[in-house]
């Protein structure tokens, strides 16, 4: 899964994943690191996921 870096917008890779207790139940926690060496750990639903580019069909 790829995400945008919250600081610079470059692609990140997931370094860790898990669940943490939250006031409304378990929360998905994701650690990410971008190509500019920024590190973040936080709720996965607050990070913007990069969508795969659609493939062009060959004719």
N, C-alpha and C. Protein backbone atom coordinates (compact mmCIF):
# COMPACT_ATOMS: atom_id res chain seq x y z
N UNK A 1 0.85 -1.18 0.00
CA UNK A 1 0.00 0.00 0.00
C UNK A 1 0.89 1.24 0.00
N UNK A 2 0.60 2.17 -0.86
CA UNK A 2 1.35 3.42 -0.92
C UNK A 2 0.49 4.56 -0.39
N UNK A 3 1.12 5.47 0.30
CA UNK A 3 0.46 6.67 0.82
C UNK A 3 1.25 7.89 0.39
N UNK A 4 0.59 9.07 0.44
CA UNK A 4 1.29 10.35 0.26
C UNK A 4 1.95 10.72 1.57
N UNK A 5 3.16 11.29 1.51
CA UNK A 5 3.81 11.81 2.70
C UNK A 5 3.04 13.03 3.19
N UNK A 6 2.65 13.08 4.46
CA UNK A 6 1.93 14.24 4.98
C UNK A 6 2.73 15.54 4.91
N UNK A 7 4.05 15.44 4.88
CA UNK A 7 4.89 16.65 4.87
C UNK A 7 5.20 17.15 3.47
N UNK A 8 5.59 16.25 2.55
CA UNK A 8 6.04 16.72 1.24
C UNK A 8 5.22 16.20 0.07
N UNK A 9 4.32 15.23 0.31
CA UNK A 9 3.47 14.71 -0.75
C UNK A 9 4.11 13.63 -1.62
N UNK A 10 5.37 13.29 -1.37
CA UNK A 10 6.03 12.23 -2.12
C UNK A 10 5.50 10.87 -1.68
N UNK A 11 5.66 9.84 -2.51
CA UNK A 11 5.20 8.51 -2.11
C UNK A 11 5.93 7.98 -0.88
N UNK A 12 5.21 7.25 -0.07
CA UNK A 12 5.78 6.62 1.12
C UNK A 12 5.61 5.11 1.03
N UNK A 13 6.36 4.40 1.80
CA UNK A 13 6.15 2.96 1.95
C UNK A 13 5.79 2.68 3.40
N UNK A 14 5.01 1.65 3.61
CA UNK A 14 4.58 1.27 4.96
C UNK A 14 5.73 0.56 5.65
N UNK A 15 6.09 1.04 6.84
CA UNK A 15 7.17 0.42 7.61
C UNK A 15 6.63 -0.46 8.73
N UNK A 16 5.42 -0.16 9.20
CA UNK A 16 4.79 -0.99 10.23
C UNK A 16 3.29 -0.78 10.18
N UNK A 17 2.57 -1.76 10.70
CA UNK A 17 1.12 -1.69 10.70
C UNK A 17 0.62 -2.43 11.92
N UNK A 18 -0.48 -1.97 12.47
CA UNK A 18 -1.05 -2.65 13.61
C UNK A 18 -2.32 -1.98 14.07
N UNK A 19 -2.78 -2.34 15.23
CA UNK A 19 -3.98 -1.75 15.82
C UNK A 19 -3.63 -1.21 17.20
N UNK A 20 -4.30 -0.12 17.56
CA UNK A 20 -4.14 0.47 18.89
C UNK A 20 -5.53 0.72 19.46
N UNK A 21 -5.62 0.75 20.77
CA UNK A 21 -6.90 1.02 21.43
C UNK A 21 -7.27 2.48 21.24
N UNK A 22 -8.51 2.72 20.89
CA UNK A 22 -9.02 4.08 20.76
C UNK A 22 -10.28 4.22 21.59
N UNK A 23 -10.75 5.44 21.77
CA UNK A 23 -11.93 5.65 22.60
C UNK A 23 -13.19 5.04 21.96
N UNK A 24 -13.21 4.90 20.63
CA UNK A 24 -14.34 4.29 19.94
C UNK A 24 -14.03 2.88 19.46
N UNK A 25 -12.99 2.25 20.01
CA UNK A 25 -12.61 0.91 19.60
C UNK A 25 -11.23 0.91 18.96
N UNK A 26 -10.80 -0.23 18.42
CA UNK A 26 -9.47 -0.34 17.83
C UNK A 26 -9.29 0.60 16.62
N UNK A 27 -8.08 1.13 16.50
CA UNK A 27 -7.73 2.05 15.41
C UNK A 27 -6.54 1.46 14.66
N UNK A 28 -6.61 1.45 13.31
CA UNK A 28 -5.48 0.99 12.51
C UNK A 28 -4.37 2.03 12.59
N UNK A 29 -3.16 1.59 12.96
CA UNK A 29 -2.01 2.48 13.07
C UNK A 29 -1.00 2.07 11.99
N UNK A 30 -0.50 3.07 11.26
CA UNK A 30 0.42 2.81 10.16
C UNK A 30 1.67 3.66 10.34
N UNK A 31 2.84 3.04 10.17
CA UNK A 31 4.11 3.76 10.13
C UNK A 31 4.53 3.87 8.68
N UNK A 32 4.90 5.06 8.24
CA UNK A 32 5.31 5.26 6.85
C UNK A 32 6.63 6.04 6.80
N UNK A 33 7.34 5.83 5.69
CA UNK A 33 8.60 6.55 5.45
C UNK A 33 8.62 6.92 3.97
N UNK A 34 8.92 8.20 3.67
CA UNK A 34 8.93 8.63 2.27
C UNK A 34 10.35 8.65 1.72
N UNK A 35 10.45 8.89 0.41
CA UNK A 35 11.75 8.89 -0.25
C UNK A 35 12.64 10.04 0.21
N UNK A 36 12.06 11.07 0.82
CA UNK A 36 12.83 12.20 1.37
C UNK A 36 13.21 11.95 2.83
N UNK A 37 12.98 10.72 3.33
CA UNK A 37 13.35 10.28 4.68
C UNK A 37 12.50 10.88 5.79
N UNK A 38 11.25 11.28 5.49
CA UNK A 38 10.32 11.69 6.54
C UNK A 38 9.65 10.45 7.09
N UNK A 39 9.48 10.38 8.42
CA UNK A 39 8.85 9.25 9.11
C UNK A 39 7.60 9.72 9.82
N UNK A 40 6.53 8.92 9.76
CA UNK A 40 5.30 9.24 10.47
C UNK A 40 4.68 7.97 11.00
N UNK A 41 4.01 8.07 12.14
CA UNK A 41 3.26 6.98 12.74
C UNK A 41 1.94 7.56 13.18
N UNK A 42 0.85 7.00 12.68
CA UNK A 42 -0.45 7.54 13.05
C UNK A 42 -1.58 6.71 12.50
N UNK A 43 -2.81 7.19 12.72
CA UNK A 43 -3.99 6.47 12.24
C UNK A 43 -3.98 6.36 10.72
N UNK A 44 -4.20 5.15 10.22
CA UNK A 44 -4.18 4.92 8.78
C UNK A 44 -5.25 5.69 8.03
N UNK A 45 -6.39 5.95 8.68
CA UNK A 45 -7.46 6.65 7.98
C UNK A 45 -7.19 8.15 7.81
N UNK A 46 -6.13 8.67 8.42
CA UNK A 46 -5.81 10.09 8.23
C UNK A 46 -4.79 10.29 7.11
N UNK A 47 -4.18 9.19 6.62
CA UNK A 47 -3.21 9.29 5.54
C UNK A 47 -3.92 9.12 4.20
N UNK A 48 -3.49 9.90 3.21
CA UNK A 48 -4.09 9.80 1.89
C UNK A 48 -3.40 8.70 1.10
N UNK A 49 -4.19 7.75 0.62
CA UNK A 49 -3.65 6.64 -0.15
C UNK A 49 -3.45 7.04 -1.59
N UNK A 50 -2.33 6.60 -2.15
CA UNK A 50 -2.09 6.80 -3.57
C UNK A 50 -2.84 5.73 -4.35
N UNK A 51 -3.57 6.15 -5.35
CA UNK A 51 -4.31 5.21 -6.17
C UNK A 51 -3.45 4.76 -7.34
N UNK A 52 -3.54 3.52 -7.73
CA UNK A 52 -2.76 3.07 -8.89
C UNK A 52 -3.22 3.78 -10.16
N UNK A 53 -2.27 4.06 -11.04
CA UNK A 53 -2.59 4.69 -12.31
C UNK A 53 -3.35 3.68 -13.18
N UNK A 54 -4.44 4.13 -13.84
CA UNK A 54 -5.17 3.19 -14.71
C UNK A 54 -4.31 2.83 -15.92
N UNK A 55 -4.40 1.58 -16.34
CA UNK A 55 -3.65 1.13 -17.51
C UNK A 55 -4.40 1.51 -18.78
N UNK A 56 -3.64 1.90 -19.78
CA UNK A 56 -4.24 2.14 -21.09
C UNK A 56 -4.30 0.81 -21.82
N UNK A 57 -5.42 0.57 -22.46
CA UNK A 57 -5.54 -0.68 -23.21
C UNK A 57 -4.83 -0.54 -24.55
N UNK A 58 -4.12 -1.58 -24.93
CA UNK A 58 -3.43 -1.59 -26.24
C UNK A 58 -4.42 -2.01 -27.31
N UNK A 59 -4.42 -1.28 -28.40
CA UNK A 59 -5.34 -1.60 -29.48
C UNK A 59 -4.63 -2.16 -30.65
